[in-house]
Amino acid sequence: MDLEKRVRVLENVYVGVLVDAVKRFSDEGILGKVREKKRSEQMLFGNEKAKQFGIEKQEDVFSWVSEIFNCAVWEISQEPYGFSAETSACKLCALAKRLSTESPCNLYCLDVMEGMVKGLAPKGKFIVRETLWGGQKCKIDVINHSVG
């Protein structure tokens, strides 16, 4: 098996493991508690995590996630208030829907990115406008300053 195919297989296995964990947490009635604890950890250690991965700019959180996990490809648009990030496809969300689990979005994606984004600029706002779980795309606005 060539390296590219091996990486694709590993990416798909990883997505499957994450979706399976959401299903198991949900079946055991602990998904909400796990989600809450993991969110707290992400917010607490976001700056350290960003540094560990060599991420220096908030926008790079989205490109780093895209490059490493190849689960969703985020497009960044600079805006007067900061920037927005959008994606129209996500392997994690798609598999979770196919397997009828609860949403994996916050646990494995949104909270992770929010932690790093806020870790890099603590006064900024990370606003989830739409997700693929309930909409046609994921759209996040990162607000770093007021317009006016």
N, C-alpha and C. Protein backbone atom coordinates (compact mmCIF):
# COMPACT_ATOMS: atom_id res chain seq x y z
N MET A 1 0.86 -1.17 0.00
CA MET A 1 0.00 0.00 0.00
C MET A 1 0.91 1.24 0.00
N ASP A 2 0.61 2.18 -0.89
CA ASP A 2 1.44 3.38 -0.93
C ASP A 2 1.09 4.31 0.23
N LEU A 3 1.97 5.26 0.48
CA LEU A 3 1.85 6.14 1.64
C LEU A 3 0.57 6.96 1.62
N GLU A 4 0.20 7.50 0.47
CA GLU A 4 -1.01 8.32 0.37
C GLU A 4 -2.25 7.51 0.73
N LYS A 5 -2.34 6.29 0.22
CA LYS A 5 -3.49 5.44 0.52
C LYS A 5 -3.50 5.08 2.01
N ARG A 6 -2.34 4.81 2.57
CA ARG A 6 -2.24 4.48 3.99
C ARG A 6 -2.73 5.64 4.86
N VAL A 7 -2.35 6.86 4.49
CA VAL A 7 -2.79 8.04 5.24
C VAL A 7 -4.30 8.18 5.15
N ARG A 8 -4.88 7.99 3.99
CA ARG A 8 -6.34 8.09 3.82
C ARG A 8 -7.07 7.05 4.68
N VAL A 9 -6.53 5.83 4.71
CA VAL A 9 -7.13 4.79 5.54
C VAL A 9 -7.08 5.21 7.00
N LEU A 10 -5.93 5.71 7.46
CA LEU A 10 -5.80 6.14 8.86
C LEU A 10 -6.74 7.30 9.19
N GLU A 11 -6.90 8.24 8.26
CA GLU A 11 -7.85 9.34 8.47
C GLU A 11 -9.26 8.81 8.67
N ASN A 12 -9.66 7.85 7.85
CA ASN A 12 -11.01 7.29 7.96
C ASN A 12 -11.18 6.46 9.24
N VAL A 13 -10.16 5.72 9.62
CA VAL A 13 -10.21 4.97 10.86
C VAL A 13 -10.35 5.93 12.04
N TYR A 14 -9.59 7.02 12.03
CA TYR A 14 -9.65 8.00 13.10
C TYR A 14 -11.06 8.60 13.23
N VAL A 15 -11.65 8.97 12.12
CA VAL A 15 -13.02 9.51 12.13
C VAL A 15 -13.97 8.46 12.70
N GLY A 16 -13.80 7.22 12.31
CA GLY A 16 -14.65 6.16 12.82
C GLY A 16 -14.52 5.97 14.32
N VAL A 17 -13.31 6.07 14.83
CA VAL A 17 -13.09 5.93 16.27
C VAL A 17 -13.77 7.07 17.02
N LEU A 18 -13.67 8.29 16.50
CA LEU A 18 -14.31 9.43 17.16
C LEU A 18 -15.83 9.27 17.19
N VAL A 19 -16.40 8.86 16.08
CA VAL A 19 -17.86 8.67 16.02
C VAL A 19 -18.28 7.54 16.96
N ASP A 20 -17.50 6.48 17.01
CA ASP A 20 -17.81 5.38 17.91
C ASP A 20 -17.77 5.86 19.37
N ALA A 21 -16.81 6.70 19.71
CA ALA A 21 -16.73 7.23 21.09
C ALA A 21 -17.97 8.05 21.42
N VAL A 22 -18.43 8.88 20.49
CA VAL A 22 -19.65 9.66 20.73
C VAL A 22 -20.82 8.72 20.98
N LYS A 23 -20.92 7.67 20.17
CA LYS A 23 -22.01 6.71 20.35
C LYS A 23 -21.92 6.04 21.72
N ARG A 24 -20.74 5.61 22.12
CA ARG A 24 -20.57 4.93 23.42
C ARG A 24 -20.87 5.88 24.58
N PHE A 25 -20.35 7.12 24.50
CA PHE A 25 -20.63 8.11 25.56
C PHE A 25 -22.13 8.35 25.67
N SER A 26 -22.79 8.45 24.53
CA SER A 26 -24.23 8.69 24.50
C SER A 26 -24.99 7.50 25.07
N ASP A 27 -24.62 6.30 24.64
CA ASP A 27 -25.29 5.09 25.12
C ASP A 27 -25.16 4.94 26.64
N GLU A 28 -24.03 5.38 27.18
CA GLU A 28 -23.80 5.28 28.62
C GLU A 28 -24.37 6.47 29.40
N GLY A 29 -24.94 7.43 28.67
CA GLY A 29 -25.55 8.59 29.32
C GLY A 29 -24.57 9.60 29.87
N ILE A 30 -23.34 9.60 29.35
CA ILE A 30 -22.32 10.51 29.88
C ILE A 30 -21.81 11.51 28.85
N LEU A 31 -22.41 11.54 27.68
CA LEU A 31 -21.91 12.42 26.62
C LEU A 31 -21.90 13.88 27.08
N GLY A 32 -22.97 14.34 27.69
CA GLY A 32 -23.03 15.73 28.15
C GLY A 32 -21.92 16.05 29.13
N LYS A 33 -21.68 15.16 30.07
CA LYS A 33 -20.63 15.37 31.07
C LYS A 33 -19.24 15.37 30.43
N VAL A 34 -19.00 14.43 29.52
CA VAL A 34 -17.72 14.37 28.82
C VAL A 34 -17.51 15.64 28.00
N ARG A 35 -18.54 16.06 27.28
CA ARG A 35 -18.46 17.26 26.45
C ARG A 35 -18.13 18.48 27.31
N GLU A 36 -18.78 18.60 28.45
CA GLU A 36 -18.55 19.73 29.35
C GLU A 36 -17.12 19.75 29.89
N LYS A 37 -16.63 18.60 30.33
CA LYS A 37 -15.26 18.52 30.87
C LYS A 37 -14.22 18.80 29.79
N LYS A 38 -14.43 18.22 28.61
CA LYS A 38 -13.48 18.43 27.51
C LYS A 38 -13.49 19.90 27.08
N ARG A 39 -14.64 20.53 27.07
CA ARG A 39 -14.71 21.95 26.70
C ARG A 39 -13.89 22.78 27.68
N SER A 40 -14.05 22.52 28.97
CA SER A 40 -13.27 23.25 29.98
C SER A 40 -11.78 23.08 29.75
N GLU A 41 -11.36 21.86 29.46
CA GLU A 41 -9.95 21.60 29.19
C GLU A 41 -9.47 22.35 27.95
N GLN A 42 -10.29 22.34 26.90
CA GLN A 42 -9.90 23.02 25.66
C GLN A 42 -9.71 24.52 25.90
N MET A 43 -10.61 25.12 26.67
CA MET A 43 -10.51 26.56 26.94
C MET A 43 -9.32 26.86 27.83
N LEU A 44 -9.02 25.98 28.74
CA LEU A 44 -7.92 26.18 29.68
C LEU A 44 -6.55 26.03 29.01
N PHE A 45 -6.43 25.07 28.11
CA PHE A 45 -5.12 24.74 27.53
C PHE A 45 -4.98 25.12 26.06
N GLY A 46 -5.92 25.92 25.54
CA GLY A 46 -5.89 26.28 24.11
C GLY A 46 -4.61 26.96 23.68
N ASN A 47 -4.11 27.90 24.50
CA ASN A 47 -2.88 28.61 24.13
C ASN A 47 -1.70 27.65 24.08
N GLU A 48 -1.59 26.79 25.07
CA GLU A 48 -0.49 25.81 25.09
C GLU A 48 -0.57 24.87 23.90
N LYS A 49 -1.78 24.44 23.58
CA LYS A 49 -1.96 23.54 22.46
C LYS A 49 -1.55 24.22 21.15
N ALA A 50 -1.97 25.47 20.96
CA ALA A 50 -1.60 26.20 19.75
C ALA A 50 -0.08 26.31 19.64
N LYS A 51 0.58 26.65 20.74
CA LYS A 51 2.05 26.75 20.73
C LYS A 51 2.69 25.41 20.41
N GLN A 52 2.16 24.36 21.01
CA GLN A 52 2.69 23.00 20.78
C GLN A 52 2.65 22.65 19.30
N PHE A 53 1.60 23.09 18.61
CA PHE A 53 1.45 22.77 17.20
C PHE A 53 2.08 23.82 16.28
N GLY A 54 2.71 24.84 16.87
CA GLY A 54 3.36 25.87 16.06
C GLY A 54 2.39 26.85 15.42
N ILE A 55 1.20 26.98 15.99
CA ILE A 55 0.19 27.88 15.45
C ILE A 55 0.35 29.24 16.11
N GLU A 56 0.51 30.28 15.29
CA GLU A 56 0.73 31.62 15.82
C GLU A 56 -0.43 32.58 15.55
N LYS A 57 -1.17 32.32 14.47
CA LYS A 57 -2.30 33.19 14.11
C LYS A 57 -3.60 32.41 14.23
N GLN A 58 -4.65 33.12 14.62
CA GLN A 58 -5.94 32.46 14.78
C GLN A 58 -6.40 31.75 13.51
N GLU A 59 -6.21 32.37 12.37
CA GLU A 59 -6.63 31.79 11.10
C GLU A 59 -5.95 30.44 10.86
N ASP A 60 -4.71 30.34 11.36
CA ASP A 60 -3.95 29.11 11.14
C ASP A 60 -4.51 27.91 11.89
N VAL A 61 -5.33 28.15 12.90
CA VAL A 61 -5.98 27.04 13.60
C VAL A 61 -6.80 26.23 12.58
N PHE A 62 -7.53 26.92 11.73
CA PHE A 62 -8.41 26.26 10.77
C PHE A 62 -7.60 25.55 9.68
N SER A 63 -6.55 26.18 9.18
CA SER A 63 -5.75 25.53 8.15
C SER A 63 -4.99 24.34 8.73
N TRP A 64 -4.52 24.45 9.98
CA TRP A 64 -3.81 23.35 10.62
C TRP A 64 -4.74 22.13 10.76
N VAL A 65 -5.96 22.38 11.25
CA VAL A 65 -6.93 21.29 11.41
C VAL A 65 -7.21 20.64 10.05
N SER A 66 -7.36 21.46 9.02
CA SER A 66 -7.62 20.92 7.67
C SER A 66 -6.47 20.05 7.20
N GLU A 67 -5.25 20.54 7.37
CA GLU A 67 -4.08 19.82 6.88
C GLU A 67 -3.80 18.53 7.65
N ILE A 68 -3.95 18.57 8.95
CA ILE A 68 -3.61 17.41 9.77
C ILE A 68 -4.67 16.31 9.68
N PHE A 69 -5.93 16.67 9.81
CA PHE A 69 -6.98 15.66 9.91
C PHE A 69 -7.71 15.40 8.60
N ASN A 70 -7.66 16.35 7.66
CA ASN A 70 -8.31 16.20 6.37
C ASN A 70 -9.78 15.78 6.52
N CYS A 71 -10.40 16.31 7.54
CA CYS A 71 -11.80 15.99 7.81
C CYS A 71 -12.72 17.03 7.18
N ALA A 72 -12.30 18.28 7.26
CA ALA A 72 -13.03 19.40 6.66
C ALA A 72 -11.99 20.39 6.14
N VAL A 73 -12.28 20.99 5.01
CA VAL A 73 -11.39 22.00 4.44
C VAL A 73 -12.03 23.37 4.70
N TRP A 74 -11.38 24.14 5.55
CA TRP A 74 -11.91 25.45 5.95
C TRP A 74 -11.41 26.53 5.01
N GLU A 75 -12.33 27.40 4.59
CA GLU A 75 -11.98 28.57 3.80
C GLU A 75 -12.11 29.80 4.68
N ILE A 76 -11.07 30.62 4.68
CA ILE A 76 -11.01 31.81 5.53
C ILE A 76 -11.29 33.05 4.71
N SER A 77 -12.13 33.93 5.24
CA SER A 77 -12.40 35.24 4.62
C SER A 77 -12.12 36.32 5.65
N GLN A 78 -11.26 37.25 5.29
CA GLN A 78 -10.99 38.37 6.19
C GLN A 78 -12.19 39.31 6.19
N GLU A 79 -12.57 39.75 7.36
CA GLU A 79 -13.72 40.63 7.53
C GLU A 79 -13.30 41.84 8.36
N PRO A 80 -14.06 42.94 8.32
CA PRO A 80 -13.71 44.12 9.12
C PRO A 80 -13.61 43.83 10.62
N TYR A 81 -14.36 42.84 11.10
CA TYR A 81 -14.38 42.50 12.52
C TYR A 81 -13.33 41.48 12.91
N GLY A 82 -12.73 40.82 11.94
CA GLY A 82 -11.77 39.74 12.19
C GLY A 82 -11.74 38.83 10.97
N PHE A 83 -12.34 37.65 11.10
CA PHE A 83 -12.44 36.76 9.94
C PHE A 83 -13.56 35.76 10.13
N SER A 84 -13.94 35.13 9.03
CA SER A 84 -14.91 34.04 9.10
C SER A 84 -14.27 32.81 8.48
N ALA A 85 -14.72 31.66 8.94
CA ALA A 85 -14.24 30.38 8.42
C ALA A 85 -15.46 29.55 8.04
N GLU A 86 -15.41 28.93 6.87
CA GLU A 86 -16.53 28.13 6.39
C GLU A 86 -16.04 26.83 5.78
N THR A 87 -16.86 25.81 5.94
CA THR A 87 -16.64 24.55 5.23
C THR A 87 -18.00 23.98 4.85
N SER A 88 -18.04 23.30 3.73
CA SER A 88 -19.32 22.75 3.27
C SER A 88 -19.35 21.23 3.37
N ALA A 89 -18.30 20.63 3.91
CA ALA A 89 -18.28 19.17 4.06
C ALA A 89 -17.40 18.80 5.25
N CYS A 90 -17.80 17.74 5.93
CA CYS A 90 -17.05 17.25 7.09
C CYS A 90 -17.24 15.75 7.20
N LYS A 91 -16.15 15.01 7.16
CA LYS A 91 -16.23 13.54 7.25
C LYS A 91 -16.80 13.10 8.60
N LEU A 92 -16.42 13.78 9.66
CA LEU A 92 -16.87 13.42 11.01
C LEU A 92 -18.39 13.56 11.13
N CYS A 93 -18.89 14.69 10.72
CA CYS A 93 -20.32 14.95 10.79
C CYS A 93 -21.10 13.99 9.89
N ALA A 94 -20.60 13.77 8.70
CA ALA A 94 -21.29 12.89 7.75
C ALA A 94 -21.39 11.46 8.29
N LEU A 95 -20.30 10.94 8.84
CA LEU A 95 -20.33 9.58 9.37
C LEU A 95 -21.23 9.49 10.60
N ALA A 96 -21.16 10.49 11.47
CA ALA A 96 -22.02 10.49 12.65
C ALA A 96 -23.50 10.48 12.26
N LYS A 97 -23.85 11.23 11.25
CA LYS A 97 -25.24 11.24 10.78
C LYS A 97 -25.63 9.88 10.20
N ARG A 98 -24.72 9.30 9.39
CA ARG A 98 -25.02 7.99 8.80
C ARG A 98 -25.23 6.92 9.87
N LEU A 99 -24.49 7.03 10.99
CA LEU A 99 -24.59 6.03 12.06
C LEU A 99 -25.57 6.42 13.15
N SER A 100 -26.30 7.52 12.92
CA SER A 100 -27.35 7.99 13.84
C SER A 100 -26.85 8.20 15.27
N THR A 101 -25.67 8.81 15.40
CA THR A 101 -25.18 9.17 16.72
C THR A 101 -25.61 10.59 17.04
N GLU A 102 -25.23 11.06 18.20
CA GLU A 102 -25.43 12.47 18.51
C GLU A 102 -24.30 13.26 17.84
N SER A 103 -24.42 14.56 17.86
CA SER A 103 -23.46 15.43 17.20
C SER A 103 -22.07 15.33 17.84
N PRO A 104 -21.04 15.13 17.01
CA PRO A 104 -19.67 15.12 17.50
C PRO A 104 -19.00 16.50 17.39
N CYS A 105 -19.73 17.47 16.86
CA CYS A 105 -19.14 18.74 16.44
C CYS A 105 -18.39 19.48 17.56
N ASN A 106 -19.02 19.67 18.68
CA ASN A 106 -18.36 20.42 19.75
C ASN A 106 -17.23 19.62 20.39
N LEU A 107 -17.49 18.38 20.68
CA LEU A 107 -16.53 17.56 21.38
C LEU A 107 -15.20 17.43 20.64
N TYR A 108 -15.26 17.21 19.34
CA TYR A 108 -14.04 16.90 18.60
C TYR A 108 -13.59 17.95 17.61
N CYS A 109 -14.34 19.02 17.45
CA CYS A 109 -13.96 20.01 16.44
C CYS A 109 -14.09 21.44 16.97
N LEU A 110 -15.31 21.88 17.17
CA LEU A 110 -15.55 23.30 17.48
C LEU A 110 -14.89 23.74 18.77
N ASP A 111 -15.02 22.97 19.84
CA ASP A 111 -14.41 23.37 21.11
C ASP A 111 -12.89 23.35 21.04
N VAL A 112 -12.35 22.41 20.31
CA VAL A 112 -10.89 22.32 20.14
C VAL A 112 -10.38 23.58 19.45
N MET A 113 -11.03 23.95 18.35
CA MET A 113 -10.61 25.14 17.61
C MET A 113 -10.85 26.40 18.43
N GLU A 114 -11.99 26.49 19.10
CA GLU A 114 -12.28 27.66 19.91
C GLU A 114 -11.23 27.84 21.00
N GLY A 115 -10.82 26.76 21.62
CA GLY A 115 -9.81 26.85 22.66
C GLY A 115 -8.51 27.44 22.14
N MET A 116 -8.07 26.99 20.98
CA MET A 116 -6.83 27.51 20.41
C MET A 116 -7.00 28.95 19.94
N VAL A 117 -8.12 29.25 19.29
CA VAL A 117 -8.37 30.61 18.79
C VAL A 117 -8.40 31.60 19.96
N LYS A 118 -9.13 31.26 21.01
CA LYS A 118 -9.21 32.14 22.18
C LYS A 118 -7.90 32.14 22.96
N GLY A 119 -7.18 31.05 22.92
CA GLY A 119 -5.87 31.01 23.56
C GLY A 119 -4.90 32.00 22.93
N LEU A 120 -5.04 32.19 21.63
CA LEU A 120 -4.18 33.12 20.91
C LEU A 120 -4.62 34.57 21.07
N ALA A 121 -5.91 34.80 21.31
CA ALA A 121 -6.46 36.15 21.49
C ALA A 121 -7.63 36.05 22.47
N PRO A 122 -7.34 36.06 23.78
CA PRO A 122 -8.36 35.81 24.80
C PRO A 122 -9.57 36.75 24.77
N LYS A 123 -9.43 37.95 24.26
CA LYS A 123 -10.57 38.87 24.25
C LYS A 123 -11.45 38.71 23.02
N GLY A 124 -11.03 37.87 22.10
CA GLY A 124 -11.81 37.65 20.89
C GLY A 124 -13.05 36.81 21.15
N LYS A 125 -13.93 36.81 20.17
CA LYS A 125 -15.15 36.01 20.26
C LYS A 125 -15.16 34.98 19.15
N PHE A 126 -15.60 33.79 19.47
CA PHE A 126 -15.70 32.67 18.55
C PHE A 126 -17.18 32.34 18.44
N ILE A 127 -17.79 32.71 17.34
CA ILE A 127 -19.24 32.57 17.21
C ILE A 127 -19.57 31.56 16.11
N VAL A 128 -20.22 30.48 16.52
CA VAL A 128 -20.66 29.46 15.56
C VAL A 128 -22.01 29.90 15.00
N ARG A 129 -22.02 30.25 13.73
CA ARG A 129 -23.25 30.73 13.08
C ARG A 129 -24.10 29.59 12.54
N GLU A 130 -23.44 28.52 12.11
CA GLU A 130 -24.16 27.39 11.52
C GLU A 130 -23.24 26.18 11.55
N THR A 131 -23.83 24.99 11.67
CA THR A 131 -23.03 23.77 11.57
C THR A 131 -23.64 22.85 10.53
N LEU A 132 -22.85 21.94 10.05
CA LEU A 132 -23.35 20.94 9.11
C LEU A 132 -24.30 19.95 9.79
N TRP A 133 -24.25 19.90 11.10
CA TRP A 133 -25.16 19.00 11.81
C TRP A 133 -26.61 19.43 11.58
N GLY A 134 -26.84 20.73 11.57
CA GLY A 134 -28.21 21.22 11.40
C GLY A 134 -28.40 22.12 10.20
N GLY A 135 -27.36 22.35 9.43
CA GLY A 135 -27.45 23.29 8.32
C GLY A 135 -26.71 22.79 7.09
N GLN A 136 -26.42 23.72 6.19
CA GLN A 136 -25.78 23.40 4.92
C GLN A 136 -24.26 23.57 4.94
N LYS A 137 -23.75 24.20 6.01
CA LYS A 137 -22.31 24.45 6.11
C LYS A 137 -21.97 24.73 7.57
N CYS A 138 -20.69 24.70 7.86
CA CYS A 138 -20.21 25.21 9.14
C CYS A 138 -19.69 26.61 8.87
N LYS A 139 -20.13 27.55 9.66
CA LYS A 139 -19.67 28.93 9.53
C LYS A 139 -19.36 29.46 10.91
N ILE A 140 -18.15 29.96 11.05
CA ILE A 140 -17.68 30.51 12.32
C ILE A 140 -17.16 31.91 12.06
N ASP A 141 -17.57 32.84 12.92
CA ASP A 141 -17.02 34.19 12.89
C ASP A 141 -16.11 34.36 14.09
N VAL A 142 -14.93 34.88 13.83
CA VAL A 142 -13.99 35.21 14.90
C VAL A 142 -13.92 36.73 14.94
N ILE A 143 -14.38 37.28 16.03
CA ILE A 143 -14.46 38.74 16.17
C ILE A 143 -13.36 39.21 17.10
N ASN A 144 -12.49 40.04 16.57
CA ASN A 144 -11.35 40.52 17.34
C ASN A 144 -11.43 42.00 17.66
N HIS A 145 -12.31 42.72 17.00
CA HIS A 145 -12.49 44.13 17.27
C HIS A 145 -13.84 44.59 16.73
N SER A 146 -14.34 45.63 17.29
CA SER A 146 -15.64 46.13 16.84
C SER A 146 -15.49 46.96 15.58
N VAL A 147 -16.51 46.95 14.81
CA VAL A 147 -16.55 47.73 13.57
C VAL A 147 -17.29 49.02 13.87
N GLY A 148 -16.79 50.10 13.36
CA GLY A 148 -17.54 51.30 13.61
C GLY A 148 -16.70 52.47 13.61
